[in-house]
Amino acid sequence: MLNYAIRRLFFLLPMLLGVSIVIFLVLHFIPGDPARLAAGPDATDADVEQIRHNYGLDKPLGIV
């Protein structure tokens, strides 16, 4: 039973890393402006800019 749990934990970490990378890439490469999509069609430019600032979309991606 302990071997089974260790094996499952061993495969959990690469799986979480892979899923995280896939989700990041999908969200990053969706066409369109995420702030504009979140604000809706009736939003002003100021509203969209505020959403960008609130979610940090106005900052570059950090690559470590």
N, C-alpha and C. Protein backbone atom coordinates (compact mmCIF):
# COMPACT_ATOMS: atom_id res chain seq x y z
N MET A 1 0.83 -1.19 0.00
CA MET A 1 0.00 0.00 0.00
C MET A 1 0.87 1.26 0.00
N LEU A 2 1.96 1.21 0.75
CA LEU A 2 2.86 2.36 0.79
C LEU A 2 3.52 2.58 -0.56
N ASN A 3 3.89 1.48 -1.24
CA ASN A 3 4.48 1.61 -2.57
C ASN A 3 3.50 2.26 -3.54
N TYR A 4 2.26 1.90 -3.45
CA TYR A 4 1.24 2.47 -4.32
C TYR A 4 1.12 3.98 -4.09
N ALA A 5 1.09 4.39 -2.84
CA ALA A 5 0.98 5.82 -2.51
C ALA A 5 2.20 6.58 -2.99
N ILE A 6 3.37 6.00 -2.84
CA ILE A 6 4.61 6.66 -3.29
C ILE A 6 4.60 6.79 -4.81
N ARG A 7 4.17 5.75 -5.52
CA ARG A 7 4.10 5.81 -6.98
C ARG A 7 3.13 6.89 -7.44
N ARG A 8 1.99 6.97 -6.78
CA ARG A 8 0.99 7.99 -7.14
C ARG A 8 1.53 9.40 -6.90
N LEU A 9 2.22 9.60 -5.79
CA LEU A 9 2.80 10.91 -5.51
C LEU A 9 3.91 11.24 -6.51
N PHE A 10 4.66 10.23 -6.93
CA PHE A 10 5.75 10.42 -7.90
C PHE A 10 5.20 10.92 -9.24
N PHE A 11 4.04 10.42 -9.65
CA PHE A 11 3.45 10.84 -10.92
C PHE A 11 2.60 12.11 -10.78
N LEU A 12 2.28 12.49 -9.56
CA LEU A 12 1.45 13.67 -9.34
C LEU A 12 2.19 14.95 -9.71
N LEU A 13 3.44 15.08 -9.33
CA LEU A 13 4.18 16.32 -9.57
C LEU A 13 4.35 16.63 -11.06
N PRO A 14 4.80 15.68 -11.90
CA PRO A 14 4.87 16.01 -13.33
C PRO A 14 3.50 16.30 -13.94
N MET A 15 2.49 15.64 -13.45
CA MET A 15 1.14 15.88 -13.97
C MET A 15 0.69 17.30 -13.64
N LEU A 16 0.91 17.75 -12.41
CA LEU A 16 0.54 19.11 -12.03
C LEU A 16 1.33 20.14 -12.83
N LEU A 17 2.61 19.89 -13.03
CA LEU A 17 3.44 20.79 -13.83
C LEU A 17 2.93 20.86 -15.27
N GLY A 18 2.64 19.72 -15.84
CA GLY A 18 2.14 19.68 -17.22
C GLY A 18 0.81 20.39 -17.38
N VAL A 19 -0.10 20.16 -16.47
CA VAL A 19 -1.41 20.81 -16.53
C VAL A 19 -1.26 22.32 -16.36
N SER A 20 -0.39 22.74 -15.46
CA SER A 20 -0.16 24.17 -15.25
C SER A 20 0.39 24.83 -16.51
N ILE A 21 1.32 24.17 -17.18
CA ILE A 21 1.90 24.72 -18.40
C ILE A 21 0.86 24.81 -19.51
N VAL A 22 0.05 23.77 -19.66
CA VAL A 22 -0.98 23.77 -20.70
C VAL A 22 -2.00 24.89 -20.45
N ILE A 23 -2.44 25.05 -19.22
CA ILE A 23 -3.41 26.09 -18.90
C ILE A 23 -2.81 27.47 -19.15
N PHE A 24 -1.55 27.67 -18.75
CA PHE A 24 -0.90 28.95 -18.99
C PHE A 24 -0.83 29.25 -20.48
N LEU A 25 -0.42 28.29 -21.28
CA LEU A 25 -0.29 28.51 -22.71
C LEU A 25 -1.63 28.78 -23.37
N VAL A 26 -2.64 28.05 -22.98
CA VAL A 26 -3.97 28.26 -23.56
C VAL A 26 -4.48 29.66 -23.23
N LEU A 27 -4.35 30.07 -21.99
CA LEU A 27 -4.82 31.39 -21.60
C LEU A 27 -3.98 32.50 -22.21
N HIS A 28 -2.71 32.25 -22.40
CA HIS A 28 -1.82 33.27 -22.94
C HIS A 28 -2.04 33.48 -24.44
N PHE A 29 -2.39 32.45 -25.16
CA PHE A 29 -2.50 32.54 -26.61
C PHE A 29 -3.93 32.63 -27.13
N ILE A 30 -4.89 32.86 -26.25
CA ILE A 30 -6.27 33.08 -26.69
C ILE A 30 -6.30 34.39 -27.47
N PRO A 31 -6.92 34.39 -28.65
CA PRO A 31 -6.97 35.63 -29.42
C PRO A 31 -7.85 36.67 -28.73
N GLY A 32 -7.47 37.92 -28.87
CA GLY A 32 -8.24 39.00 -28.27
C GLY A 32 -7.62 39.47 -26.97
N ASP A 33 -8.12 40.56 -26.51
CA ASP A 33 -7.64 41.17 -25.27
C ASP A 33 -8.47 40.63 -24.10
N PRO A 34 -7.84 39.97 -23.13
CA PRO A 34 -8.61 39.41 -22.02
C PRO A 34 -9.34 40.48 -21.21
N ALA A 35 -8.74 41.66 -21.10
CA ALA A 35 -9.41 42.73 -20.36
C ALA A 35 -10.66 43.20 -21.10
N ARG A 36 -10.57 43.29 -22.41
CA ARG A 36 -11.73 43.71 -23.22
C ARG A 36 -12.83 42.65 -23.14
N LEU A 37 -12.44 41.38 -23.17
CA LEU A 37 -13.43 40.31 -23.06
C LEU A 37 -14.10 40.31 -21.69
N ALA A 38 -13.32 40.57 -20.64
CA ALA A 38 -13.87 40.58 -19.28
C ALA A 38 -14.77 41.79 -19.06
N ALA A 39 -14.43 42.91 -19.69
CA ALA A 39 -15.20 44.14 -19.47
C ALA A 39 -16.54 44.12 -20.18
N GLY A 40 -16.60 43.43 -21.30
CA GLY A 40 -17.85 43.38 -22.04
C GLY A 40 -17.90 44.41 -23.15
N PRO A 41 -18.90 44.32 -23.99
CA PRO A 41 -18.96 45.19 -25.18
C PRO A 41 -19.28 46.65 -24.88
N ASP A 42 -19.92 46.95 -23.76
CA ASP A 42 -20.33 48.32 -23.46
C ASP A 42 -19.33 49.07 -22.59
N ALA A 43 -18.17 48.49 -22.32
CA ALA A 43 -17.19 49.10 -21.43
C ALA A 43 -16.44 50.22 -22.14
N THR A 44 -16.10 51.23 -21.36
CA THR A 44 -15.29 52.32 -21.91
C THR A 44 -13.82 51.93 -21.88
N ASP A 45 -13.00 52.73 -22.54
CA ASP A 45 -11.56 52.46 -22.53
C ASP A 45 -11.00 52.57 -21.11
N ALA A 46 -11.55 53.47 -20.30
CA ALA A 46 -11.10 53.61 -18.92
C ALA A 46 -11.42 52.35 -18.11
N ASP A 47 -12.58 51.76 -18.36
CA ASP A 47 -12.95 50.52 -17.67
C ASP A 47 -11.99 49.39 -18.02
N VAL A 48 -11.68 49.29 -19.31
CA VAL A 48 -10.77 48.24 -19.76
C VAL A 48 -9.38 48.45 -19.16
N GLU A 49 -8.94 49.69 -19.13
CA GLU A 49 -7.62 49.99 -18.55
C GLU A 49 -7.59 49.66 -17.06
N GLN A 50 -8.68 49.91 -16.36
CA GLN A 50 -8.76 49.58 -14.93
C GLN A 50 -8.69 48.08 -14.72
N ILE A 51 -9.36 47.30 -15.55
CA ILE A 51 -9.30 45.84 -15.45
C ILE A 51 -7.88 45.35 -15.72
N ARG A 52 -7.23 45.92 -16.73
CA ARG A 52 -5.84 45.55 -17.02
C ARG A 52 -4.95 45.80 -15.80
N HIS A 53 -5.16 46.94 -15.16
CA HIS A 53 -4.34 47.27 -13.98
C HIS A 53 -4.67 46.34 -12.81
N ASN A 54 -5.94 46.07 -12.57
CA ASN A 54 -6.34 45.23 -11.44
C ASN A 54 -5.78 43.82 -11.54
N TYR A 55 -5.76 43.27 -12.75
CA TYR A 55 -5.29 41.90 -12.94
C TYR A 55 -3.82 41.82 -13.34
N GLY A 56 -3.14 42.95 -13.41
CA GLY A 56 -1.72 42.94 -13.75
C GLY A 56 -1.44 42.65 -15.21
N LEU A 57 -2.42 42.87 -16.07
CA LEU A 57 -2.24 42.60 -17.49
C LEU A 57 -1.42 43.69 -18.17
N ASP A 58 -1.18 44.79 -17.47
CA ASP A 58 -0.39 45.87 -18.05
C ASP A 58 1.10 45.70 -17.76
N LYS A 59 1.46 44.61 -17.12
CA LYS A 59 2.86 44.34 -16.80
C LYS A 59 3.37 43.19 -17.67
N PRO A 60 4.66 43.21 -18.02
CA PRO A 60 5.19 42.12 -18.84
C PRO A 60 5.28 40.82 -18.05
N LEU A 61 5.28 39.72 -18.78
CA LEU A 61 5.43 38.42 -18.14
C LEU A 61 6.86 38.27 -17.64
N GLY A 62 7.01 37.81 -16.43
CA GLY A 62 8.35 37.56 -15.90
C GLY A 62 8.81 36.16 -16.24
N ILE A 63 9.97 36.06 -16.78
CA ILE A 63 10.53 34.74 -17.10
C ILE A 63 11.70 34.51 -16.16
N VAL A 64 11.59 33.47 -15.37
CA VAL A 64 12.62 33.18 -14.37
C VAL A 64 13.53 32.10 -14.87
